[in-house]
Amino acid sequence: MASILDTTRSPSALLPATTRLPIGLGFMVWISILALATGFSIVAQPEVPLFYSLAQPEQQLVAKEWLLIIPALSFVMNILNYVVVVFAREIDPLLITLFAWTMLFIQVIFGLALGRIVYITV
């Protein structure tokens, strides 16, 4: 059995075959969220409704730089997903696959939330 710290193997070789697709799609979703947040923060108004579900209107608006928290959270989730799958690959493969797909689904929800913020403010 090869070591996890073996540098001669590619990073995808450490992943079980059933988790390569959701993790790869997760990184693509992160790149699209990052592109949307970066592009929109350049042209956005100074304050955007990041917390549009709060009851008090004065707490809903934040500086547009706060939009970058969504891609940051998505990136942290990608890294967490990759690390958990690599270190727990010996556990039940179905459980690890469900974990990887669930993390992808949560990232898609982040993307939809960012898309809604962009739609509201445009």
PDB file of N, CA and C in Angstrom:
ATOM      1  N   MET A   1       0.840  -1.179   0.000  1.00  0.00           N
ATOM      2  CA  MET A   1       0.000   0.000   0.000  1.00  0.00           C
ATOM      3  C   MET A   1       0.880   1.236   0.000  1.00  0.00           C
ATOM      4  N   ALA A   2       0.563   2.158  -0.868  1.00  0.00           N
ATOM      5  CA  ALA A   2       1.362   3.368  -1.001  1.00  0.00           C
ATOM      6  C   ALA A   2       1.026   4.342   0.116  1.00  0.00           C
ATOM      7  N   SER A   3       1.994   5.139   0.454  1.00  0.00           N
ATOM      8  CA  SER A   3       1.804   6.139   1.495  1.00  0.00           C
ATOM      9  C   SER A   3       1.002   7.327   0.954  1.00  0.00           C
ATOM     10  N   ILE A   4       0.265   7.960   1.837  1.00  0.00           N
ATOM     11  CA  ILE A   4      -0.501   9.150   1.440  1.00  0.00           C
ATOM     12  C   ILE A   4       0.442  10.289   1.076  1.00  0.00           C
ATOM     13  N   LEU A   5       1.618  10.296   1.686  1.00  0.00           N
ATOM     14  CA  LEU A   5       2.575  11.368   1.433  1.00  0.00           C
ATOM     15  C   LEU A   5       3.480  11.086   0.234  1.00  0.00           C
ATOM     16  N   ASP A   6       3.198  10.051  -0.527  1.00  0.00           N
ATOM     17  CA  ASP A   6       3.974   9.706  -1.707  1.00  0.00           C
ATOM     18  C   ASP A   6       3.793  10.791  -2.759  1.00  0.00           C
ATOM     19  N   THR A   7       4.868  11.465  -3.132  1.00  0.00           N
ATOM     20  CA  THR A   7       4.782  12.599  -4.060  1.00  0.00           C
ATOM     21  C   THR A   7       4.878  12.183  -5.514  1.00  0.00           C
ATOM     22  N   THR A   8       5.133  10.919  -5.800  1.00  0.00           N
ATOM     23  CA  THR A   8       5.251  10.499  -7.189  1.00  0.00           C
ATOM     24  C   THR A   8       3.898  10.211  -7.816  1.00  0.00           C
ATOM     25  N   ARG A   9       2.857  10.093  -7.014  1.00  0.00           N
ATOM     26  CA  ARG A   9       1.516   9.802  -7.527  1.00  0.00           C
ATOM     27  C   ARG A   9       0.765  11.112  -7.743  1.00  0.00           C
ATOM     28  N   SER A  10      -0.141  11.096  -8.694  1.00  0.00           N
ATOM     29  CA  SER A  10      -0.968  12.276  -8.913  1.00  0.00           C
ATOM     30  C   SER A  10      -1.997  12.394  -7.799  1.00  0.00           C
ATOM     31  N   PRO A  11      -2.494  13.621  -7.523  1.00  0.00           N
ATOM     32  CA  PRO A  11      -3.485  13.779  -6.452  1.00  0.00           C
ATOM     33  C   PRO A  11      -4.762  12.983  -6.689  1.00  0.00           C
ATOM     34  N   SER A  12      -5.152  12.796  -7.940  1.00  0.00           N
ATOM     35  CA  SER A  12      -6.381  12.043  -8.195  1.00  0.00           C
ATOM     36  C   SER A  12      -6.193  10.548  -7.959  1.00  0.00           C
ATOM     37  N   ALA A  13      -4.944  10.067  -7.951  1.00  0.00           N
ATOM     38  CA  ALA A  13      -4.704   8.651  -7.686  1.00  0.00           C
ATOM     39  C   ALA A  13      -4.996   8.301  -6.232  1.00  0.00           C
ATOM     40  N   LEU A  14      -5.025   9.290  -5.358  1.00  0.00           N
ATOM     41  CA  LEU A  14      -5.327   9.050  -3.957  1.00  0.00           C
ATOM     42  C   LEU A  14      -6.823   8.896  -3.712  1.00  0.00           C
ATOM     43  N   LEU A  15      -7.629   9.304  -4.677  1.00  0.00           N
ATOM     44  CA  LEU A  15      -9.081   9.272  -4.519  1.00  0.00           C
ATOM     45  C   LEU A  15      -9.650   7.952  -5.014  1.00  0.00           C
ATOM     46  N   PRO A  16     -10.677   7.451  -4.334  1.00  0.00           N
ATOM     47  CA  PRO A  16     -11.385   6.299  -4.890  1.00  0.00           C
ATOM     48  C   PRO A  16     -12.051   6.693  -6.212  1.00  0.00           C
ATOM     49  N   ALA A  17     -12.230   5.743  -7.081  1.00  0.00           N
ATOM     50  CA  ALA A  17     -12.786   6.031  -8.408  1.00  0.00           C
ATOM     51  C   ALA A  17     -14.186   6.618  -8.335  1.00  0.00           C
ATOM     52  N   THR A  18     -14.948   6.252  -7.321  1.00  0.00           N
ATOM     53  CA  THR A  18     -16.329   6.734  -7.223  1.00  0.00           C
ATOM     54  C   THR A  18     -16.425   8.178  -6.749  1.00  0.00           C
ATOM     55  N   THR A  19     -15.334   8.740  -6.247  1.00  0.00           N
ATOM     56  CA  THR A  19     -15.382  10.118  -5.747  1.00  0.00           C
ATOM     57  C   THR A  19     -14.654  11.112  -6.654  1.00  0.00           C
ATOM     58  N   ARG A  20     -14.028  10.642  -7.703  1.00  0.00           N
ATOM     59  CA  ARG A  20     -13.296  11.573  -8.570  1.00  0.00           C
ATOM     60  C   ARG A  20     -14.215  12.542  -9.290  1.00  0.00           C
ATOM     61  N   LEU A  21     -15.365  12.076  -9.747  1.00  0.00           N
ATOM     62  CA  LEU A  21     -16.303  12.951 -10.456  1.00  0.00           C
ATOM     63  C   LEU A  21     -16.859  14.056  -9.557  1.00  0.00           C
ATOM     64  N   PRO A  22     -17.425  13.744  -8.380  1.00  0.00           N
ATOM     65  CA  PRO A  22     -17.963  14.836  -7.570  1.00  0.00           C
ATOM     66  C   PRO A  22     -16.900  15.812  -7.078  1.00  0.00           C
ATOM     67  N   ILE A  23     -15.698  15.320  -6.802  1.00  0.00           N
ATOM     68  CA  ILE A  23     -14.640  16.240  -6.349  1.00  0.00           C
ATOM     69  C   ILE A  23     -14.174  17.110  -7.505  1.00  0.00           C
ATOM     70  N   GLY A  24     -14.045  16.539  -8.695  1.00  0.00           N
ATOM     71  CA  GLY A  24     -13.682  17.353  -9.863  1.00  0.00           C
ATOM     72  C   GLY A  24     -14.748  18.385 -10.191  1.00  0.00           C
ATOM     73  N   LEU A  25     -16.012  17.973 -10.129  1.00  0.00           N
ATOM     74  CA  LEU A  25     -17.101  18.923 -10.358  1.00  0.00           C
ATOM     75  C   LEU A  25     -17.127  19.998  -9.272  1.00  0.00           C
ATOM     76  N   GLY A  26     -16.777  19.623  -8.049  1.00  0.00           N
ATOM     77  CA  GLY A  26     -16.721  20.595  -6.957  1.00  0.00           C
ATOM     78  C   GLY A  26     -15.696  21.686  -7.231  1.00  0.00           C
ATOM     79  N   PHE A  27     -14.543  21.307  -7.751  1.00  0.00           N
ATOM     80  CA  PHE A  27     -13.544  22.323  -8.076  1.00  0.00           C
ATOM     81  C   PHE A  27     -14.004  23.196  -9.252  1.00  0.00           C
ATOM     82  N   MET A  28     -14.731  22.614 -10.198  1.00  0.00           N
ATOM     83  CA  MET A  28     -15.263  23.423 -11.299  1.00  0.00           C
ATOM     84  C   MET A  28     -16.334  24.394 -10.811  1.00  0.00           C
ATOM     85  N   VAL A  29     -17.185  23.933  -9.894  1.00  0.00           N
ATOM     86  CA  VAL A  29     -18.199  24.815  -9.310  1.00  0.00           C
ATOM     87  C   VAL A  29     -17.515  25.942  -8.548  1.00  0.00           C
ATOM     88  N   TRP A  30     -16.449  25.620  -7.815  1.00  0.00           N
ATOM     89  CA  TRP A  30     -15.719  26.653  -7.077  1.00  0.00           C
ATOM     90  C   TRP A  30     -15.126  27.694  -8.020  1.00  0.00           C
ATOM     91  N   ILE A  31     -14.554  27.246  -9.130  1.00  0.00           N
ATOM     92  CA  ILE A  31     -13.975  28.188 -10.088  1.00  0.00           C
ATOM     93  C   ILE A  31     -15.054  29.097 -10.683  1.00  0.00           C
ATOM     94  N   SER A  32     -16.218  28.544 -10.973  1.00  0.00           N
ATOM     95  CA  SER A  32     -17.299  29.376 -11.518  1.00  0.00           C
ATOM     96  C   SER A  32     -17.834  30.347 -10.459  1.00  0.00           C
ATOM     97  N   ILE A  33     -17.931  29.908  -9.208  1.00  0.00           N
ATOM     98  CA  ILE A  33     -18.358  30.807  -8.129  1.00  0.00           C
ATOM     99  C   ILE A  33     -17.335  31.922  -7.945  1.00  0.00           C
ATOM    100  N   LEU A  34     -16.069  31.574  -7.983  1.00  0.00           N
ATOM    101  CA  LEU A  34     -15.008  32.577  -7.844  1.00  0.00           C
ATOM    102  C   LEU A  34     -15.050  33.583  -8.985  1.00  0.00           C
ATOM    103  N   ALA A  35     -15.242  33.100 -10.208  1.00  0.00           N
ATOM    104  CA  ALA A  35     -15.315  34.012 -11.358  1.00  0.00           C
ATOM    105  C   ALA A  35     -16.527  34.930 -11.254  1.00  0.00           C
ATOM    106  N   LEU A  36     -17.673  34.387 -10.879  1.00  0.00           N
ATOM    107  CA  LEU A  36     -18.878  35.202 -10.745  1.00  0.00           C
ATOM    108  C   LEU A  36     -18.724  36.231  -9.631  1.00  0.00           C
ATOM    109  N   ALA A  37     -18.213  35.829  -8.484  1.00  0.00           N
ATOM    110  CA  ALA A  37     -18.058  36.755  -7.354  1.00  0.00           C
ATOM    111  C   ALA A  37     -17.029  37.837  -7.667  1.00  0.00           C
ATOM    112  N   THR A  38     -15.927  37.458  -8.280  1.00  0.00           N
ATOM    113  CA  THR A  38     -14.892  38.441  -8.610  1.00  0.00           C
ATOM    114  C   THR A  38     -15.381  39.410  -9.670  1.00  0.00           C
ATOM    115  N   GLY A  39     -15.993  38.879 -10.718  1.00  0.00           N
ATOM    116  CA  GLY A  39     -16.506  39.753 -11.777  1.00  0.00           C
ATOM    117  C   GLY A  39     -17.604  40.676 -11.293  1.00  0.00           C
ATOM    118  N   PHE A  40     -18.479  40.157 -10.452  1.00  0.00           N
ATOM    119  CA  PHE A  40     -19.571  40.986  -9.966  1.00  0.00           C
ATOM    120  C   PHE A  40     -19.089  42.008  -8.950  1.00  0.00           C
ATOM    121  N   SER A  41     -18.091  41.657  -8.132  1.00  0.00           N
ATOM    122  CA  SER A  41     -17.620  42.620  -7.135  1.00  0.00           C
ATOM    123  C   SER A  41     -16.913  43.806  -7.782  1.00  0.00           C
ATOM    124  N   ILE A  42     -16.472  43.648  -9.012  1.00  0.00           N
ATOM    125  CA  ILE A  42     -15.838  44.769  -9.717  1.00  0.00           C
ATOM    126  C   ILE A  42     -16.885  45.787 -10.141  1.00  0.00           C
ATOM    127  N   VAL A  43     -18.034  45.323 -10.606  1.00  0.00           N
ATOM    128  CA  VAL A  43     -19.057  46.232 -11.139  1.00  0.00           C
ATOM    129  C   VAL A  43     -20.215  46.485 -10.182  1.00  0.00           C
ATOM    130  N   ALA A  44     -20.214  45.863  -9.015  1.00  0.00           N
ATOM    131  CA  ALA A  44     -21.345  45.971  -8.094  1.00  0.00           C
ATOM    132  C   ALA A  44     -21.377  47.333  -7.416  1.00  0.00           C
ATOM    133  N   GLN A  45     -22.546  47.658  -6.913  1.00  0.00           N
ATOM    134  CA  GLN A  45     -22.682  48.872  -6.120  1.00  0.00           C
ATOM    135  C   GLN A  45     -21.920  48.688  -4.803  1.00  0.00           C
ATOM    136  N   PRO A  46     -21.672  49.760  -4.054  1.00  0.00           N
ATOM    137  CA  PRO A  46     -20.847  49.639  -2.841  1.00  0.00           C
ATOM    138  C   PRO A  46     -21.420  48.712  -1.776  1.00  0.00           C
ATOM    139  N   GLU A  47     -22.741  48.595  -1.709  1.00  0.00           N
ATOM    140  CA  GLU A  47     -23.352  47.705  -0.729  1.00  0.00           C
ATOM    141  C   GLU A  47     -24.260  46.717  -1.444  1.00  0.00           C
ATOM    142  N   VAL A  48     -24.175  45.457  -1.036  1.00  0.00           N
ATOM    143  CA  VAL A  48     -24.980  44.407  -1.655  1.00  0.00           C
ATOM    144  C   VAL A  48     -25.764  43.665  -0.568  1.00  0.00           C
ATOM    145  N   PRO A  49     -26.909  43.065  -0.924  1.00  0.00           N
ATOM    146  CA  PRO A  49     -27.732  42.364   0.068  1.00  0.00           C
ATOM    147  C   PRO A  49     -27.269  40.929   0.301  1.00  0.00           C
ATOM    148  N   LEU A  50     -26.210  40.765   1.060  1.00  0.00           N
ATOM    149  CA  LEU A  50     -25.712  39.419   1.339  1.00  0.00           C
ATOM    150  C   LEU A  50     -26.623  38.685   2.315  1.00  0.00           C
ATOM    151  N   PHE A  51     -27.131  39.394   3.303  1.00  0.00           N
ATOM    152  CA  PHE A  51     -28.002  38.795   4.316  1.00  0.00           C
ATOM    153  C   PHE A  51     -29.435  39.246   4.075  1.00  0.00           C
ATOM    154  N   TYR A  52     -29.973  38.953   2.904  1.00  0.00           N
ATOM    155  CA  TYR A  52     -31.296  39.462   2.538  1.00  0.00           C
ATOM    156  C   TYR A  52     -32.428  38.777   3.282  1.00  0.00           C
ATOM    157  N   SER A  53     -32.141  37.778   4.088  1.00  0.00           N
ATOM    158  CA  SER A  53     -33.206  37.112   4.832  1.00  0.00           C
ATOM    159  C   SER A  53     -33.350  37.649   6.255  1.00  0.00           C
ATOM    160  N   LEU A  54     -32.530  38.600   6.649  1.00  0.00           N
ATOM    161  CA  LEU A  54     -32.658  39.170   7.988  1.00  0.00           C
ATOM    162  C   LEU A  54     -33.888  40.065   8.068  1.00  0.00           C
ATOM    163  N   ALA A  55     -34.444  40.179   9.264  1.00  0.00           N
ATOM    164  CA  ALA A  55     -35.684  40.931   9.438  1.00  0.00           C
ATOM    165  C   ALA A  55     -35.466  42.440   9.372  1.00  0.00           C
ATOM    166  N   GLN A  56     -34.350  42.929   9.875  1.00  0.00           N
ATOM    167  CA  GLN A  56     -34.108  44.366   9.903  1.00  0.00           C
ATOM    168  C   GLN A  56     -33.348  44.788   8.645  1.00  0.00           C
ATOM    169  N   PRO A  57     -33.920  45.711   7.871  1.00  0.00           N
ATOM    170  CA  PRO A  57     -33.304  46.092   6.594  1.00  0.00           C
ATOM    171  C   PRO A  57     -31.893  46.661   6.713  1.00  0.00           C
ATOM    172  N   GLU A  58     -31.590  47.342   7.811  1.00  0.00           N
ATOM    173  CA  GLU A  58     -30.252  47.938   7.928  1.00  0.00           C
ATOM    174  C   GLU A  58     -29.168  46.888   8.141  1.00  0.00           C
ATOM    175  N   GLN A  59     -29.544  45.664   8.488  1.00  0.00           N
ATOM    176  CA  GLN A  59     -28.564  44.596   8.669  1.00  0.00           C
ATOM    177  C   GLN A  59     -28.397  43.741   7.418  1.00  0.00           C
ATOM    178  N   GLN A  60     -29.179  43.975   6.387  1.00  0.00           N
ATOM    179  CA  GLN A  60     -29.117  43.148   5.188  1.00  0.00           C
ATOM    180  C   GLN A  60     -27.955  43.525   4.276  1.00  0.00           C
ATOM    181  N   LEU A  61     -27.614  44.795   4.220  1.00  0.00           N
ATOM    182  CA  LEU A  61     -26.590  45.259   3.288  1.00  0.00           C
ATOM    183  C   LEU A  61     -25.201  45.194   3.916  1.00  0.00           C
ATOM    184  N   VAL A  62     -24.249  44.742   3.120  1.00  0.00           N
ATOM    185  CA  VAL A  62     -22.848  44.701   3.537  1.00  0.00           C
ATOM    186  C   VAL A  62     -21.999  45.249   2.395  1.00  0.00           C
ATOM    187  N   ALA A  63     -20.743  45.541   2.688  1.00  0.00           N
ATOM    188  CA  ALA A  63     -19.818  45.995   1.645  1.00  0.00           C
ATOM    189  C   ALA A  63     -19.646  44.894   0.602  1.00  0.00           C
ATOM    190  N   LYS A  64     -19.419  45.301  -0.632  1.00  0.00           N
ATOM    191  CA  LYS A  64     -19.364  44.311  -1.715  1.00  0.00           C
ATOM    192  C   LYS A  64     -18.206  43.334  -1.581  1.00  0.00           C
ATOM    193  N   GLU A  65     -17.200  43.658  -0.804  1.00  0.00           N
ATOM    194  CA  GLU A  65     -16.086  42.741  -0.593  1.00  0.00           C
ATOM    195  C   GLU A  65     -16.521  41.476   0.150  1.00  0.00           C
ATOM    196  N   TRP A  66     -17.640  41.568   0.879  1.00  0.00           N
ATOM    197  CA  TRP A  66     -18.143  40.409   1.607  1.00  0.00           C
ATOM    198  C   TRP A  66     -18.640  39.318   0.661  1.00  0.00           C
ATOM    199  N   LEU A  67     -18.854  39.636  -0.599  1.00  0.00           N
ATOM    200  CA  LEU A  67     -19.259  38.603  -1.564  1.00  0.00           C
ATOM    201  C   LEU A  67     -18.179  37.538  -1.741  1.00  0.00           C
ATOM    202  N   LEU A  68     -16.941  37.908  -1.463  1.00  0.00           N
ATOM    203  CA  LEU A  68     -15.842  36.959  -1.636  1.00  0.00           C
ATOM    204  C   LEU A  68     -15.818  35.890  -0.550  1.00  0.00           C
ATOM    205  N   ILE A  69     -16.687  36.020   0.452  1.00  0.00           N
ATOM    206  CA  ILE A  69     -16.752  34.975   1.474  1.00  0.00           C
ATOM    207  C   ILE A  69     -17.378  33.694   0.911  1.00  0.00           C
ATOM    208  N   ILE A  70     -18.241  33.831  -0.080  1.00  0.00           N
ATOM    209  CA  ILE A  70     -18.881  32.641  -0.664  1.00  0.00           C
ATOM    210  C   ILE A  70     -17.865  31.771  -1.399  1.00  0.00           C
ATOM    211  N   PRO A  71     -17.007  32.331  -2.277  1.00  0.00           N
ATOM    212  CA  PRO A  71     -15.983  31.463  -2.883  1.00  0.00           C
ATOM    213  C   PRO A  71     -14.969  30.943  -1.861  1.00  0.00           C
ATOM    214  N   ALA A  72     -14.706  31.718  -0.813  1.00  0.00           N
ATOM    215  CA  ALA A  72     -13.771  31.244   0.217  1.00  0.00           C
ATOM    216  C   ALA A  72     -14.356  30.036   0.946  1.00  0.00           C
ATOM    217  N   LEU A  73     -15.632  30.096   1.293  1.00  0.00           N
ATOM    218  CA  LEU A  73     -16.276  28.953   1.939  1.00  0.00           C
ATOM    219  C   LEU A  73     -16.319  27.742   1.008  1.00  0.00           C
ATOM    220  N   SER A  74     -16.579  27.984  -0.261  1.00  0.00           N
ATOM    221  CA  SER A  74     -16.605  26.900  -1.226  1.00  0.00           C
ATOM    222  C   SER A  74     -15.229  26.242  -1.356  1.00  0.00           C
ATOM    223  N   PHE A  75     -14.172  27.056  -1.347  1.00  0.00           N
ATOM    224  CA  PHE A  75     -12.818  26.517  -1.432  1.00  0.00           C
ATOM    225  C   PHE A  75     -12.474  25.686  -0.199  1.00  0.00           C
ATOM    226  N   VAL A  76     -12.835  26.194   0.978  1.00  0.00           N
ATOM    227  CA  VAL A  76     -12.578  25.448   2.210  1.00  0.00           C
ATOM    228  C   VAL A  76     -13.327  24.120   2.185  1.00  0.00           C
ATOM    229  N   MET A  77     -14.551  24.138   1.670  1.00  0.00           N
ATOM    230  CA  MET A  77     -15.316  22.893   1.570  1.00  0.00           C
ATOM    231  C   MET A  77     -14.664  21.921   0.602  1.00  0.00           C
ATOM    232  N   ASN A  78     -14.117  22.418  -0.503  1.00  0.00           N
ATOM    233  CA  ASN A  78     -13.418  21.542  -1.452  1.00  0.00           C
ATOM    234  C   ASN A  78     -12.215  20.882  -0.802  1.00  0.00           C
ATOM    235  N   ILE A  79     -11.425  21.666  -0.100  1.00  0.00           N
ATOM    236  CA  ILE A  79     -10.231  21.106   0.545  1.00  0.00           C
ATOM    237  C   ILE A  79     -10.629  20.110   1.628  1.00  0.00           C
ATOM    238  N   LEU A  80     -11.642  20.462   2.424  1.00  0.00           N
ATOM    239  CA  LEU A  80     -12.125  19.554   3.457  1.00  0.00           C
ATOM    240  C   LEU A  80     -12.638  18.252   2.841  1.00  0.00           C
ATOM    241  N   ASN A  81     -13.372  18.371   1.756  1.00  0.00           N
ATOM    242  CA  ASN A  81     -13.900  17.199   1.062  1.00  0.00           C
ATOM    243  C   ASN A  81     -12.758  16.300   0.584  1.00  0.00           C
ATOM    244  N   TYR A  82     -11.761  16.897  -0.046  1.00  0.00           N
ATOM    245  CA  TYR A  82     -10.631  16.127  -0.561  1.00  0.00           C
ATOM    246  C   TYR A  82      -9.883  15.424   0.567  1.00  0.00           C
ATOM    247  N   VAL A  83      -9.619  16.152   1.644  1.00  0.00           N
ATOM    248  CA  VAL A  83      -8.861  15.577   2.762  1.00  0.00           C
ATOM    249  C   VAL A  83      -9.638  14.442   3.427  1.00  0.00           C
ATOM    250  N   VAL A  84     -10.922  14.641   3.655  1.00  0.00           N
ATOM    251  CA  VAL A  84     -11.725  13.598   4.292  1.00  0.00           C
ATOM    252  C   VAL A  84     -11.783  12.353   3.409  1.00  0.00           C
ATOM    253  N   VAL A  85     -11.971  12.552   2.127  1.00  0.00           N
ATOM    254  CA  VAL A  85     -12.055  11.389   1.228  1.00  0.00           C
ATOM    255  C   VAL A  85     -10.722  10.659   1.157  1.00  0.00           C
ATOM    256  N   VAL A  86      -9.612  11.377   1.122  1.00  0.00           N
ATOM    257  CA  VAL A  86      -8.308  10.724   1.045  1.00  0.00           C
ATOM    258  C   VAL A  86      -8.017   9.948   2.324  1.00  0.00           C
ATOM    259  N   PHE A  87      -8.266  10.558   3.463  1.00  0.00           N
ATOM    260  CA  PHE A  87      -7.926   9.890   4.717  1.00  0.00           C
ATOM    261  C   PHE A  87      -8.949   8.845   5.135  1.00  0.00           C
ATOM    262  N   ALA A  88     -10.161   8.921   4.621  1.00  0.00           N
ATOM    263  CA  ALA A  88     -11.188   7.957   5.017  1.00  0.00           C
ATOM    264  C   ALA A  88     -11.554   7.017   3.879  1.00  0.00           C
ATOM    265  N   ARG A  89     -10.681   6.851   2.926  1.00  0.00           N
ATOM    266  CA  ARG A  89     -11.019   6.026   1.765  1.00  0.00           C
ATOM    267  C   ARG A  89     -11.134   4.550   2.097  1.00  0.00           C
ATOM    268  N   GLU A  90     -10.632   4.152   3.252  1.00  0.00           N
ATOM    269  CA  GLU A  90     -10.738   2.751   3.659  1.00  0.00           C
ATOM    270  C   GLU A  90     -12.099   2.434   4.282  1.00  0.00           C
ATOM    271  N   ILE A  91     -12.871   3.467   4.603  1.00  0.00           N
ATOM    272  CA  ILE A  91     -14.212   3.268   5.165  1.00  0.00           C
ATOM    273  C   ILE A  91     -15.123   2.821   4.023  1.00  0.00           C
ATOM    274  N   ASP A  92     -16.337   2.555   4.335  1.00  0.00           N
ATOM    275  CA  ASP A  92     -17.313   2.099   3.360  1.00  0.00           C
ATOM    276  C   ASP A  92     -17.335   3.024   2.133  1.00  0.00           C
ATOM    277  N   PRO A  93     -17.107   2.508   0.929  1.00  0.00           N
ATOM    278  CA  PRO A  93     -17.061   3.356  -0.274  1.00  0.00           C
ATOM    279  C   PRO A  93     -18.373   4.101  -0.529  1.00  0.00           C
ATOM    280  N   LEU A  94     -19.489   3.499  -0.188  1.00  0.00           N
ATOM    281  CA  LEU A  94     -20.768   4.180  -0.390  1.00  0.00           C
ATOM    282  C   LEU A  94     -20.871   5.414   0.489  1.00  0.00           C
ATOM    283  N   LEU A  95     -20.423   5.322   1.715  1.00  0.00           N
ATOM    284  CA  LEU A  95     -20.465   6.458   2.641  1.00  0.00           C
ATOM    285  C   LEU A  95     -19.586   7.604   2.137  1.00  0.00           C
ATOM    286  N   ILE A  96     -18.401   7.285   1.668  1.00  0.00           N
ATOM    287  CA  ILE A  96     -17.494   8.310   1.146  1.00  0.00           C
ATOM    288  C   ILE A  96     -18.070   8.934  -0.123  1.00  0.00           C
ATOM    289  N   THR A  97     -18.669   8.135  -0.982  1.00  0.00           N
ATOM    290  CA  THR A  97     -19.281   8.663  -2.205  1.00  0.00           C
ATOM    291  C   THR A  97     -20.440   9.591  -1.877  1.00  0.00           C
ATOM    292  N   LEU A  98     -21.281   9.194  -0.934  1.00  0.00           N
ATOM    293  CA  LEU A  98     -22.387  10.065  -0.522  1.00  0.00           C
ATOM    294  C   LEU A  98     -21.870  11.368   0.074  1.00  0.00           C
ATOM    295  N   PHE A  99     -20.805  11.304   0.846  1.00  0.00           N
ATOM    296  CA  PHE A  99     -20.207  12.510   1.410  1.00  0.00           C
ATOM    297  C   PHE A  99     -19.716  13.447   0.307  1.00  0.00           C
ATOM    298  N   ALA A 100     -19.042  12.894  -0.697  1.00  0.00           N
ATOM    299  CA  ALA A 100     -18.520  13.718  -1.788  1.00  0.00           C
ATOM    300  C   ALA A 100     -19.646  14.367  -2.583  1.00  0.00           C
ATOM    301  N   TRP A 101     -20.707  13.621  -2.886  1.00  0.00           N
ATOM    302  CA  TRP A 101     -21.834  14.194  -3.631  1.00  0.00           C
ATOM    303  C   TRP A 101     -22.588  15.226  -2.796  1.00  0.00           C
ATOM    304  N   THR A 102     -22.683  15.008  -1.488  1.00  0.00           N
ATOM    305  CA  THR A 102     -23.353  15.981  -0.618  1.00  0.00           C
ATOM    306  C   THR A 102     -22.578  17.288  -0.575  1.00  0.00           C
ATOM    307  N   MET A 103     -21.265  17.208  -0.483  1.00  0.00           N
ATOM    308  CA  MET A 103     -20.455  18.429  -0.497  1.00  0.00           C
ATOM    309  C   MET A 103     -20.613  19.170  -1.820  1.00  0.00           C
ATOM    310  N   LEU A 104     -20.707  18.452  -2.923  1.00  0.00           N
ATOM    311  CA  LEU A 104     -20.936  19.093  -4.212  1.00  0.00           C
ATOM    312  C   LEU A 104     -22.294  19.785  -4.228  1.00  0.00           C
ATOM    313  N   PHE A 105     -23.309  19.133  -3.692  1.00  0.00           N
ATOM    314  CA  PHE A 105     -24.646  19.722  -3.642  1.00  0.00           C
ATOM    315  C   PHE A 105     -24.655  21.009  -2.814  1.00  0.00           C
ATOM    316  N   ILE A 106     -23.941  21.025  -1.703  1.00  0.00           N
ATOM    317  CA  ILE A 106     -23.863  22.233  -0.871  1.00  0.00           C
ATOM    318  C   ILE A 106     -23.157  23.351  -1.624  1.00  0.00           C
ATOM    319  N   GLN A 107     -22.139  23.030  -2.396  1.00  0.00           N
ATOM    320  CA  GLN A 107     -21.451  24.055  -3.180  1.00  0.00           C
ATOM    321  C   GLN A 107     -22.352  24.610  -4.277  1.00  0.00           C
ATOM    322  N   VAL A 108     -23.168  23.764  -4.866  1.00  0.00           N
ATOM    323  CA  VAL A 108     -24.130  24.243  -5.866  1.00  0.00           C
ATOM    324  C   VAL A 108     -25.120  25.203  -5.209  1.00  0.00           C
ATOM    325  N   ILE A 109     -25.517  24.916  -3.977  1.00  0.00           N
ATOM    326  CA  ILE A 109     -26.405  25.829  -3.253  1.00  0.00           C
ATOM    327  C   ILE A 109     -25.702  27.169  -3.007  1.00  0.00           C
ATOM    328  N   PHE A 110     -24.416  27.144  -2.667  1.00  0.00           N
ATOM    329  CA  PHE A 110     -23.656  28.397  -2.543  1.00  0.00           C
ATOM    330  C   PHE A 110     -23.683  29.171  -3.861  1.00  0.00           C
ATOM    331  N   GLY A 111     -23.496  28.474  -4.967  1.00  0.00           N
ATOM    332  CA  GLY A 111     -23.529  29.126  -6.269  1.00  0.00           C
ATOM    333  C   GLY A 111     -24.887  29.718  -6.581  1.00  0.00           C
ATOM    334  N   LEU A 112     -25.948  29.002  -6.240  1.00  0.00           N
ATOM    335  CA  LEU A 112     -27.294  29.529  -6.458  1.00  0.00           C
ATOM    336  C   LEU A 112     -27.562  30.753  -5.581  1.00  0.00           C
ATOM    337  N   ALA A 113     -27.068  30.731  -4.349  1.00  0.00           N
ATOM    338  CA  ALA A 113     -27.228  31.889  -3.463  1.00  0.00           C
ATOM    339  C   ALA A 113     -26.496  33.103  -4.029  1.00  0.00           C
ATOM    340  N   LEU A 114     -25.295  32.885  -4.532  1.00  0.00           N
ATOM    341  CA  LEU A 114     -24.551  33.989  -5.147  1.00  0.00           C
ATOM    342  C   LEU A 114     -25.258  34.477  -6.401  1.00  0.00           C
ATOM    343  N   GLY A 115     -25.782  33.551  -7.192  1.00  0.00           N
ATOM    344  CA  GLY A 115     -26.536  33.950  -8.384  1.00  0.00           C
ATOM    345  C   GLY A 115     -27.757  34.775  -8.035  1.00  0.00           C
ATOM    346  N   ARG A 116     -28.426  34.434  -6.951  1.00  0.00           N
ATOM    347  CA  ARG A 116     -29.590  35.214  -6.525  1.00  0.00           C
ATOM    348  C   ARG A 116     -29.174  36.610  -6.073  1.00  0.00           C
ATOM    349  N   ILE A 117     -28.069  36.713  -5.361  1.00  0.00           N
ATOM    350  CA  ILE A 117     -27.590  38.040  -4.947  1.00  0.00           C
ATOM    351  C   ILE A 117     -27.268  38.891  -6.162  1.00  0.00           C
ATOM    352  N   VAL A 118     -26.635  38.286  -7.146  1.00  0.00           N
ATOM    353  CA  VAL A 118     -26.311  39.033  -8.375  1.00  0.00           C
ATOM    354  C   VAL A 118     -27.604  39.433  -9.078  1.00  0.00           C
ATOM    355  N   TYR A 119     -28.569  38.544  -9.150  1.00  0.00           N
ATOM    356  CA  TYR A 119     -29.845  38.837  -9.815  1.00  0.00           C
ATOM    357  C   TYR A 119     -30.612  39.952  -9.109  1.00  0.00           C
ATOM    358  N   ILE A 120     -30.597  39.935  -7.790  1.00  0.00           N
ATOM    359  CA  ILE A 120     -31.300  40.968  -7.013  1.00  0.00           C
ATOM    360  C   ILE A 120     -30.702  42.340  -7.245  1.00  0.00           C
ATOM    361  N   THR A 121     -29.393  42.427  -7.319  1.00  0.00           N
ATOM    362  CA  THR A 121     -28.730  43.735  -7.370  1.00  0.00           C
ATOM    363  C   THR A 121     -28.528  44.258  -8.794  1.00  0.00           C
ATOM    364  N   VAL A 122     -28.729  43.444  -9.776  1.00  0.00           N
ATOM    365  CA  VAL A 122     -28.527  43.923 -11.161  1.00  0.00           C
ATOM    366  C   VAL A 122     -29.770  44.596 -11.672  1.00  0.00           C
TER     367      VAL A 122
END
